[in-house]
Amino acid sequence: MLFMVFLSVVGLTACSDDEPKDSVKEIRMQVSAETGVMYAWGDDKKENPIECMLVMSEDNPGVWEPLGFNSIEGFTYVRGHEYYLSVRRTILANPPADASDRTYSLIRILEDRVVTEPEVPVDEEITSEEDIEYHDLCPFEKYAISKEFVVDKDGNIYYGDGSSLPSYDNARIWLEDVLDKEDPNWVKFQTVSYQATYSYVFSPFTDDIRLIRNDSHGPMFKSVIPEDEFTRIQSMQSGEEVRYALILANVYKKGLQKLEFTIKKQ
């Protein structure tokens, strides 16, 4: 009887050793400052593009491949930054049917380099606000930003309530998603077609319309207010203010919502 039990245990052990196991390895991965587009599993017609990272790894050297923004555990991507990473790659022995067979987690950032993004060209047909085509169901109140910024003579930037922002080079115009989750279209409005990928900038200093890329939380202050305009604001009289407008646009450069804010000289 004991002999039979022993054989059973040995048999179970042998079976478990034969089961496929995940393959784990530390690899190097480069992340581009440019973003790409990918499609969800099941979107065979490629009707809903999703903005994503572009990565090059030891798995496929020389080829840029799309990877979701949240696909590297412990890593937060910032547009305009080029990264060189050490990551832990796991090839799953039993991957889910509707997902990749590989997962990644950050070990360390080996290099983080800021790359200046070129200005996005505006369609030649867009010469005024009326020329911007809006996406369906738009505009609607999905996003909000601070209504007032204050700049002092030294170039320090504050919100209207007196709280300070980072320096001119690092300040951001935050886009807050204020859409009520009780809205019957809330789920639809979270898809890529309703994400503010771009901003059309309307400046009080020029009639030219500029198109800039937004980061995941909103455009950089210096992208909306270029250095020459910021210098002019610093030279304004105390209490004088100017008004900017942004028309947020999706990945197709179609308008979503118009937002306005003022910048006042302290």
C-alpha atoms as a PDB file:
ATOM      1  CA  MET A   1       0.000   0.000   0.000  1.00  0.00           C
ATOM      2  CA  LEU A   2       2.791   2.449   0.926  1.00  0.00           C
ATOM      3  CA  PHE A   3       4.581   1.547  -2.299  1.00  0.00           C
ATOM      4  CA  MET A   4       1.473   2.460  -4.324  1.00  0.00           C
ATOM      5  CA  VAL A   5       1.174   5.833  -2.525  1.00  0.00           C
ATOM      6  CA  PHE A   6       4.841   6.526  -3.268  1.00  0.00           C
ATOM      7  CA  LEU A   7       4.301   5.811  -6.952  1.00  0.00           C
ATOM      8  CA  SER A   8       1.280   8.146  -6.993  1.00  0.00           C
ATOM      9  CA  VAL A   9       3.272  11.009  -5.444  1.00  0.00           C
ATOM     10  CA  VAL A  10       6.145  10.476  -7.872  1.00  0.00           C
ATOM     11  CA  GLY A  11       3.681  10.436 -10.744  1.00  0.00           C
ATOM     12  CA  LEU A  12       2.072  13.714  -9.673  1.00  0.00           C
ATOM     13  CA  THR A  13       5.477  15.350  -9.278  1.00  0.00           C
ATOM     14  CA  ALA A  14       6.540  14.207 -12.707  1.00  0.00           C
ATOM     15  CA  CYS A  15       3.348  15.603 -14.239  1.00  0.00           C
ATOM     16  CA  SER A  16       3.801  19.016 -12.579  1.00  0.00           C
ATOM     17  CA  ASP A  17       7.404  19.213 -13.850  1.00  0.00           C
ATOM     18  CA  ASP A  18       6.129  18.670 -17.360  1.00  0.00           C
ATOM     19  CA  GLU A  19       3.682  21.589 -17.181  1.00  0.00           C
ATOM     20  CA  PRO A  20       4.748  24.675 -19.198  1.00  0.00           C
ATOM     21  CA  LYS A  21       6.160  27.531 -17.136  1.00  0.00           C
ATOM     22  CA  ASP A  22       6.386  31.274 -17.676  1.00  0.00           C
ATOM     23  CA  SER A  23       9.697  32.506 -19.089  1.00  0.00           C
ATOM     24  CA  VAL A  24      11.089  35.529 -17.228  1.00  0.00           C
ATOM     25  CA  LYS A  25      14.055  37.600 -18.435  1.00  0.00           C
ATOM     26  CA  GLU A  26      15.517  41.071 -17.925  1.00  0.00           C
ATOM     27  CA  ILE A  27      15.735  42.896 -21.261  1.00  0.00           C
ATOM     28  CA  ARG A  28      16.468  46.399 -22.538  1.00  0.00           C
ATOM     29  CA  MET A  29      13.715  48.426 -24.192  1.00  0.00           C
ATOM     30  CA  GLN A  30      13.728  51.779 -25.985  1.00  0.00           C
ATOM     31  CA  VAL A  31      10.598  53.954 -25.881  1.00  0.00           C
ATOM     32  CA  SER A  32      10.110  56.584 -28.582  1.00  0.00           C
ATOM     33  CA  ALA A  33       9.230  60.211 -27.901  1.00  0.00           C
ATOM     34  CA  GLU A  34       6.636  59.809 -30.657  1.00  0.00           C
ATOM     35  CA  THR A  35       3.391  57.936 -30.067  1.00  0.00           C
ATOM     36  CA  GLY A  36       1.606  55.536 -32.367  1.00  0.00           C
ATOM     37  CA  VAL A  37      -1.803  53.979 -32.830  1.00  0.00           C
ATOM     38  CA  MET A  38      -3.001  50.491 -31.952  1.00  0.00           C
ATOM     39  CA  TYR A  39      -6.329  48.670 -32.011  1.00  0.00           C
ATOM     40  CA  ALA A  40      -8.138  46.649 -29.375  1.00  0.00           C
ATOM     41  CA  TRP A  41      -8.573  42.903 -29.652  1.00  0.00           C
ATOM     42  CA  GLY A  42     -11.636  42.195 -31.756  1.00  0.00           C
ATOM     43  CA  ASP A  43     -11.509  45.527 -33.609  1.00  0.00           C
ATOM     44  CA  ASP A  44     -10.910  43.762 -36.918  1.00  0.00           C
ATOM     45  CA  LYS A  45     -12.208  46.699 -38.948  1.00  0.00           C
ATOM     46  CA  LYS A  46      -9.811  49.051 -37.147  1.00  0.00           C
ATOM     47  CA  GLU A  47     -12.560  51.558 -36.463  1.00  0.00           C
ATOM     48  CA  ASN A  48     -11.327  52.770 -33.056  1.00  0.00           C
ATOM     49  CA  PRO A  49      -7.637  53.749 -33.013  1.00  0.00           C
ATOM     50  CA  ILE A  50      -6.023  53.925 -29.575  1.00  0.00           C
ATOM     51  CA  GLU A  51      -2.997  56.143 -29.008  1.00  0.00           C
ATOM     52  CA  CYS A  52      -0.077  54.159 -27.607  1.00  0.00           C
ATOM     53  CA  MET A  53       3.685  54.049 -27.041  1.00  0.00           C
ATOM     54  CA  LEU A  54       6.156  52.925 -29.684  1.00  0.00           C
ATOM     55  CA  VAL A  55       8.811  50.576 -28.306  1.00  0.00           C
ATOM     56  CA  MET A  56      11.809  48.680 -29.608  1.00  0.00           C
ATOM     57  CA  SER A  57      13.050  45.722 -27.585  1.00  0.00           C
ATOM     58  CA  GLU A  58      15.442  42.811 -27.751  1.00  0.00           C
ATOM     59  CA  ASP A  59      12.492  40.699 -28.830  1.00  0.00           C
ATOM     60  CA  ASN A  60      12.378  42.460 -32.188  1.00  0.00           C
ATOM     61  CA  PRO A  61      15.412  44.730 -32.715  1.00  0.00           C
ATOM     62  CA  GLY A  62      15.168  47.407 -35.374  1.00  0.00           C
ATOM     63  CA  VAL A  63      11.365  47.446 -35.362  1.00  0.00           C
ATOM     64  CA  TRP A  64       9.121  49.950 -33.568  1.00  0.00           C
ATOM     65  CA  GLU A  65       6.072  48.193 -32.147  1.00  0.00           C
ATOM     66  CA  PRO A  66       2.899  49.585 -30.524  1.00  0.00           C
ATOM     67  CA  LEU A  67       2.454  49.034 -26.783  1.00  0.00           C
ATOM     68  CA  GLY A  68      -0.299  50.375 -24.515  1.00  0.00           C
ATOM     69  CA  PHE A  69       0.522  53.281 -22.191  1.00  0.00           C
ATOM     70  CA  ASN A  70      -0.088  51.112 -19.094  1.00  0.00           C
ATOM     71  CA  SER A  71       1.578  47.955 -20.393  1.00  0.00           C
ATOM     72  CA  ILE A  72       4.821  48.344 -18.407  1.00  0.00           C
ATOM     73  CA  GLU A  73       4.033  47.930 -14.732  1.00  0.00           C
ATOM     74  CA  GLY A  74       5.608  50.698 -12.640  1.00  0.00           C
ATOM     75  CA  PHE A  75       6.350  52.958 -15.627  1.00  0.00           C
ATOM     76  CA  THR A  76       4.569  56.216 -16.530  1.00  0.00           C
ATOM     77  CA  TYR A  77       5.113  57.492 -20.055  1.00  0.00           C
ATOM     78  CA  VAL A  78       5.315  61.223 -20.800  1.00  0.00           C
ATOM     79  CA  ARG A  79       4.976  62.358 -24.409  1.00  0.00           C
ATOM     80  CA  GLY A  80       8.052  64.105 -25.765  1.00  0.00           C
ATOM     81  CA  HIS A  81      10.376  61.951 -23.631  1.00  0.00           C
ATOM     82  CA  GLU A  82      12.586  59.232 -25.078  1.00  0.00           C
ATOM     83  CA  TYR A  83      13.421  56.420 -22.651  1.00  0.00           C
ATOM     84  CA  TYR A  84      15.863  53.554 -22.395  1.00  0.00           C
ATOM     85  CA  LEU A  85      14.571  51.020 -19.890  1.00  0.00           C
ATOM     86  CA  SER A  86      15.509  47.829 -18.150  1.00  0.00           C
ATOM     87  CA  VAL A  87      12.340  45.765 -17.891  1.00  0.00           C
ATOM     88  CA  ARG A  88      11.352  42.327 -16.706  1.00  0.00           C
ATOM     89  CA  ARG A  89       9.717  40.515 -19.596  1.00  0.00           C
ATOM     90  CA  THR A  90       7.482  37.572 -18.855  1.00  0.00           C
ATOM     91  CA  ILE A  91       6.384  35.260 -21.662  1.00  0.00           C
ATOM     92  CA  LEU A  92       3.257  33.570 -20.389  1.00  0.00           C
ATOM     93  CA  ALA A  93       3.019  29.808 -20.753  1.00  0.00           C
ATOM     94  CA  ASN A  94      -0.779  30.024 -20.786  1.00  0.00           C
ATOM     95  CA  PRO A  95      -1.682  33.482 -22.135  1.00  0.00           C
ATOM     96  CA  PRO A  96      -5.310  34.635 -22.251  1.00  0.00           C
ATOM     97  CA  ALA A  97      -7.008  34.200 -25.591  1.00  0.00           C
ATOM     98  CA  ASP A  98      -7.745  37.910 -25.977  1.00  0.00           C
ATOM     99  CA  ALA A  99      -4.409  39.416 -24.906  1.00  0.00           C
ATOM    100  CA  SER A 100      -0.680  39.334 -25.531  1.00  0.00           C
ATOM    101  CA  ASP A 101       1.499  36.457 -24.375  1.00  0.00           C
ATOM    102  CA  ARG A 102       3.991  38.959 -22.889  1.00  0.00           C
ATOM    103  CA  THR A 103       3.907  41.223 -19.855  1.00  0.00           C
ATOM    104  CA  TYR A 104       6.452  43.812 -18.730  1.00  0.00           C
ATOM    105  CA  SER A 105       7.410  45.427 -15.438  1.00  0.00           C
ATOM    106  CA  LEU A 106       9.928  48.219 -14.925  1.00  0.00           C
ATOM    107  CA  ILE A 107      13.233  47.401 -13.235  1.00  0.00           C
ATOM    108  CA  ARG A 108      14.839  50.822 -13.731  1.00  0.00           C
ATOM    109  CA  ILE A 109      14.966  53.780 -16.126  1.00  0.00           C
ATOM    110  CA  LEU A 110      18.428  53.826 -17.682  1.00  0.00           C
ATOM    111  CA  GLU A 111      17.924  57.066 -19.623  1.00  0.00           C
ATOM    112  CA  ASP A 112      15.194  59.701 -19.849  1.00  0.00           C
ATOM    113  CA  ARG A 113      15.751  62.342 -22.528  1.00  0.00           C
ATOM    114  CA  VAL A 114      13.423  65.217 -23.430  1.00  0.00           C
ATOM    115  CA  VAL A 115      12.900  65.542 -27.172  1.00  0.00           C
ATOM    116  CA  THR A 116      11.487  68.791 -28.519  1.00  0.00           C
ATOM    117  CA  GLU A 117       8.325  68.023 -30.462  1.00  0.00           C
ATOM    118  CA  PRO A 118       7.910  69.771 -33.809  1.00  0.00           C
ATOM    119  CA  GLU A 119       4.787  71.889 -34.156  1.00  0.00           C
ATOM    120  CA  VAL A 120       1.888  69.949 -35.648  1.00  0.00           C
ATOM    121  CA  PRO A 121       0.915  71.412 -39.042  1.00  0.00           C
ATOM    122  CA  VAL A 122      -2.580  72.896 -39.285  1.00  0.00           C
ATOM    123  CA  ASP A 123      -4.740  71.926 -42.240  1.00  0.00           C
ATOM    124  CA  GLU A 124      -4.447  74.699 -44.854  1.00  0.00           C
ATOM    125  CA  GLU A 125      -8.255  74.966 -44.980  1.00  0.00           C
ATOM    126  CA  ILE A 126      -8.426  75.943 -41.285  1.00  0.00           C
ATOM    127  CA  THR A 127      -8.009  79.698 -41.123  1.00  0.00           C
ATOM    128  CA  SER A 128     -10.680  80.489 -38.524  1.00  0.00           C
ATOM    129  CA  GLU A 129     -12.617  78.909 -35.689  1.00  0.00           C
ATOM    130  CA  GLU A 130     -15.552  78.266 -38.045  1.00  0.00           C
ATOM    131  CA  ASP A 131     -13.372  75.989 -40.201  1.00  0.00           C
ATOM    132  CA  ILE A 132     -12.864  73.421 -37.418  1.00  0.00           C
ATOM    133  CA  GLU A 133     -15.158  70.431 -37.822  1.00  0.00           C
ATOM    134  CA  TYR A 134     -16.537  69.025 -34.588  1.00  0.00           C
ATOM    135  CA  HIS A 135     -16.901  65.355 -33.743  1.00  0.00           C
ATOM    136  CA  ASP A 136     -20.444  64.030 -33.309  1.00  0.00           C
ATOM    137  CA  LEU A 137     -22.279  65.064 -30.127  1.00  0.00           C
ATOM    138  CA  CYS A 138     -19.774  67.872 -29.598  1.00  0.00           C
ATOM    139  CA  PRO A 139     -19.162  70.347 -28.148  1.00  0.00           C
ATOM    140  CA  PHE A 140     -20.158  69.208 -24.694  1.00  0.00           C
ATOM    141  CA  GLU A 141     -18.895  69.851 -21.187  1.00  0.00           C
ATOM    142  CA  LYS A 142     -16.359  67.067 -20.751  1.00  0.00           C
ATOM    143  CA  TYR A 143     -13.208  69.015 -19.853  1.00  0.00           C
ATOM    144  CA  ALA A 144     -12.411  72.031 -17.682  1.00  0.00           C
ATOM    145  CA  ILE A 145      -9.298  74.059 -16.896  1.00  0.00           C
ATOM    146  CA  SER A 146      -8.400  76.815 -14.459  1.00  0.00           C
ATOM    147  CA  LYS A 147     -10.074  79.988 -15.692  1.00  0.00           C
ATOM    148  CA  GLU A 148      -7.257  82.353 -14.700  1.00  0.00           C
ATOM    149  CA  PHE A 149      -3.479  82.373 -14.480  1.00  0.00           C
ATOM    150  CA  VAL A 150      -1.346  85.143 -13.004  1.00  0.00           C
ATOM    151  CA  VAL A 151       2.210  85.985 -14.084  1.00  0.00           C
ATOM    152  CA  ASP A 152       4.570  88.290 -12.172  1.00  0.00           C
ATOM    153  CA  LYS A 153       7.436  90.366 -13.566  1.00  0.00           C
ATOM    154  CA  ASP A 154       9.942  87.588 -12.834  1.00  0.00           C
ATOM    155  CA  GLY A 155       8.000  85.031 -14.871  1.00  0.00           C
ATOM    156  CA  ASN A 156       6.549  83.101 -11.929  1.00  0.00           C
ATOM    157  CA  ILE A 157       3.159  81.570 -12.730  1.00  0.00           C
ATOM    158  CA  TYR A 158       0.226  81.247 -10.322  1.00  0.00           C
ATOM    159  CA  TYR A 159      -3.366  80.113 -10.433  1.00  0.00           C
ATOM    160  CA  GLY A 160      -6.004  82.735  -9.738  1.00  0.00           C
ATOM    161  CA  ASP A 161      -6.294  81.469  -6.150  1.00  0.00           C
ATOM    162  CA  GLY A 162      -2.615  82.257  -5.528  1.00  0.00           C
ATOM    163  CA  SER A 163      -1.207  78.714  -5.639  1.00  0.00           C
ATOM    164  CA  SER A 164       1.982  78.474  -7.678  1.00  0.00           C
ATOM    165  CA  LEU A 165       2.795  76.399 -10.740  1.00  0.00           C
ATOM    166  CA  PRO A 166       6.193  74.976 -11.703  1.00  0.00           C
ATOM    167  CA  SER A 167       8.537  77.021 -13.877  1.00  0.00           C
ATOM    168  CA  TYR A 168       7.579  78.189 -17.374  1.00  0.00           C
ATOM    169  CA  ASP A 169       9.359  75.175 -18.897  1.00  0.00           C
ATOM    170  CA  ASN A 170       7.585  72.661 -16.652  1.00  0.00           C
ATOM    171  CA  ALA A 171       4.139  74.170 -16.022  1.00  0.00           C
ATOM    172  CA  ARG A 172       1.128  72.443 -17.505  1.00  0.00           C
ATOM    173  CA  ILE A 173      -2.401  73.554 -18.340  1.00  0.00           C
ATOM    174  CA  TRP A 174      -4.261  70.697 -16.712  1.00  0.00           C
ATOM    175  CA  LEU A 175      -7.352  69.312 -18.401  1.00  0.00           C
ATOM    176  CA  GLU A 176      -9.780  68.028 -15.812  1.00  0.00           C
ATOM    177  CA  ASP A 177     -12.363  65.469 -16.944  1.00  0.00           C
ATOM    178  CA  VAL A 178     -15.552  66.814 -15.364  1.00  0.00           C
ATOM    179  CA  LEU A 179     -18.117  64.769 -17.262  1.00  0.00           C
ATOM    180  CA  ASP A 180     -20.765  63.360 -14.926  1.00  0.00           C
ATOM    181  CA  LYS A 181     -20.498  59.574 -14.747  1.00  0.00           C
ATOM    182  CA  GLU A 182     -24.287  59.469 -14.698  1.00  0.00           C
ATOM    183  CA  ASP A 183     -24.309  60.803 -18.243  1.00  0.00           C
ATOM    184  CA  PRO A 184     -25.859  58.085 -20.467  1.00  0.00           C
ATOM    185  CA  ASN A 185     -22.973  58.531 -22.931  1.00  0.00           C
ATOM    186  CA  TRP A 186     -20.214  58.425 -20.296  1.00  0.00           C
ATOM    187  CA  VAL A 187     -18.710  55.125 -21.477  1.00  0.00           C
ATOM    188  CA  LYS A 188     -18.748  56.255 -25.099  1.00  0.00           C
ATOM    189  CA  PHE A 189     -17.113  59.560 -24.196  1.00  0.00           C
ATOM    190  CA  GLN A 190     -14.129  57.733 -22.668  1.00  0.00           C
ATOM    191  CA  THR A 191     -13.132  56.176 -26.001  1.00  0.00           C
ATOM    192  CA  VAL A 192     -10.282  57.562 -28.097  1.00  0.00           C
ATOM    193  CA  SER A 193     -12.615  59.540 -30.369  1.00  0.00           C
ATOM    194  CA  TYR A 194     -13.452  61.778 -27.392  1.00  0.00           C
ATOM    195  CA  GLN A 195      -9.979  62.098 -25.894  1.00  0.00           C
ATOM    196  CA  ALA A 196      -8.277  65.483 -26.204  1.00  0.00           C
ATOM    197  CA  THR A 197      -5.214  64.475 -28.226  1.00  0.00           C
ATOM    198  CA  TYR A 198      -4.690  67.949 -29.715  1.00  0.00           C
ATOM    199  CA  SER A 199      -5.478  71.590 -28.991  1.00  0.00           C
ATOM    200  CA  TYR A 200      -6.079  74.342 -31.521  1.00  0.00           C
ATOM    201  CA  VAL A 201      -4.595  77.462 -29.912  1.00  0.00           C
ATOM    202  CA  PHE A 202      -6.188  80.879 -30.406  1.00  0.00           C
ATOM    203  CA  SER A 203      -3.846  83.602 -29.156  1.00  0.00           C
ATOM    204  CA  PRO A 204      -4.649  87.273 -28.456  1.00  0.00           C
ATOM    205  CA  PHE A 205      -1.311  88.211 -30.051  1.00  0.00           C
ATOM    206  CA  THR A 206      -1.768  86.668 -33.512  1.00  0.00           C
ATOM    207  CA  ASP A 207      -4.424  85.579 -35.979  1.00  0.00           C
ATOM    208  CA  ASP A 208      -2.499  82.392 -36.752  1.00  0.00           C
ATOM    209  CA  ILE A 209      -4.034  79.159 -35.470  1.00  0.00           C
ATOM    210  CA  ARG A 210      -1.582  76.676 -34.016  1.00  0.00           C
ATOM    211  CA  LEU A 211      -2.170  72.957 -33.410  1.00  0.00           C
ATOM    212  CA  ILE A 212      -0.299  71.348 -30.512  1.00  0.00           C
ATOM    213  CA  ARG A 213      -0.189  67.905 -28.952  1.00  0.00           C
ATOM    214  CA  ASN A 214      -1.628  67.455 -25.487  1.00  0.00           C
ATOM    215  CA  ASP A 215      -0.055  65.163 -22.948  1.00  0.00           C
ATOM    216  CA  SER A 216      -2.324  62.738 -21.113  1.00  0.00           C
ATOM    217  CA  HIS A 217      -3.133  65.477 -18.555  1.00  0.00           C
ATOM    218  CA  GLY A 218      -3.137  68.509 -20.846  1.00  0.00           C
ATOM    219  CA  PRO A 219      -0.785  70.693 -22.912  1.00  0.00           C
ATOM    220  CA  MET A 220       2.415  72.193 -21.604  1.00  0.00           C
ATOM    221  CA  PHE A 221       2.128  75.896 -20.730  1.00  0.00           C
ATOM    222  CA  LYS A 222       4.993  76.816 -23.057  1.00  0.00           C
ATOM    223  CA  SER A 223       3.298  74.992 -25.962  1.00  0.00           C
ATOM    224  CA  VAL A 224       0.184  77.135 -25.574  1.00  0.00           C
ATOM    225  CA  ILE A 225       2.017  80.388 -24.746  1.00  0.00           C
ATOM    226  CA  PRO A 226       5.314  80.449 -26.688  1.00  0.00           C
ATOM    227  CA  GLU A 227       8.281  82.298 -25.243  1.00  0.00           C
ATOM    228  CA  ASP A 228       7.824  85.514 -27.250  1.00  0.00           C
ATOM    229  CA  GLU A 229       4.204  85.829 -26.093  1.00  0.00           C
ATOM    230  CA  PHE A 230       5.162  85.014 -22.492  1.00  0.00           C
ATOM    231  CA  THR A 231       7.724  87.834 -22.615  1.00  0.00           C
ATOM    232  CA  ARG A 232       5.033  90.236 -23.804  1.00  0.00           C
ATOM    233  CA  ILE A 233       2.770  89.158 -20.944  1.00  0.00           C
ATOM    234  CA  GLN A 234       5.551  89.816 -18.437  1.00  0.00           C
ATOM    235  CA  SER A 235       5.890  93.361 -19.806  1.00  0.00           C
ATOM    236  CA  MET A 236       2.166  94.193 -19.471  1.00  0.00           C
ATOM    237  CA  GLN A 237       0.906  96.653 -16.898  1.00  0.00           C
ATOM    238  CA  SER A 238      -0.174  95.365 -13.484  1.00  0.00           C
ATOM    239  CA  GLY A 239      -3.785  94.166 -13.644  1.00  0.00           C
ATOM    240  CA  GLU A 240      -3.794  93.952 -17.441  1.00  0.00           C
ATOM    241  CA  GLU A 241      -4.980  90.606 -18.815  1.00  0.00           C
ATOM    242  CA  VAL A 242      -5.242  88.669 -22.075  1.00  0.00           C
ATOM    243  CA  ARG A 243      -7.557  85.837 -23.053  1.00  0.00           C
ATOM    244  CA  TYR A 244      -6.554  82.579 -24.771  1.00  0.00           C
ATOM    245  CA  ALA A 245      -8.838  79.916 -26.209  1.00  0.00           C
ATOM    246  CA  LEU A 246      -8.256  76.232 -26.839  1.00  0.00           C
ATOM    247  CA  ILE A 247     -10.416  74.058 -29.035  1.00  0.00           C
ATOM    248  CA  LEU A 248      -9.669  70.546 -27.885  1.00  0.00           C
ATOM    249  CA  ALA A 249      -9.529  67.999 -30.698  1.00  0.00           C
ATOM    250  CA  ASN A 250      -9.382  64.223 -30.966  1.00  0.00           C
ATOM    251  CA  VAL A 251      -6.888  61.975 -32.756  1.00  0.00           C
ATOM    252  CA  TYR A 252      -8.620  62.825 -36.061  1.00  0.00           C
ATOM    253  CA  LYS A 253      -8.120  66.570 -35.318  1.00  0.00           C
ATOM    254  CA  LYS A 254     -11.881  67.079 -35.030  1.00  0.00           C
ATOM    255  CA  GLY A 255     -13.075  69.512 -32.386  1.00  0.00           C
ATOM    256  CA  LEU A 256     -14.442  68.358 -29.043  1.00  0.00           C
ATOM    257  CA  GLN A 257     -14.916  71.418 -26.866  1.00  0.00           C
ATOM    258  CA  LYS A 258     -13.850  75.049 -26.612  1.00  0.00           C
ATOM    259  CA  LEU A 259     -12.175  76.255 -23.406  1.00  0.00           C
ATOM    260  CA  GLU A 260     -11.097  79.801 -22.572  1.00  0.00           C
ATOM    261  CA  PHE A 261      -8.825  81.186 -19.871  1.00  0.00           C
ATOM    262  CA  THR A 262      -7.197  84.481 -18.983  1.00  0.00           C
ATOM    263  CA  ILE A 263      -3.633  85.379 -18.034  1.00  0.00           C
ATOM    264  CA  LYS A 264      -3.307  88.438 -15.813  1.00  0.00           C
ATOM    265  CA  LYS A 265      -0.172  90.430 -15.025  1.00  0.00           C
ATOM    266  CA  GLN A 266       0.331  90.636 -11.267  1.00  0.00           C
END
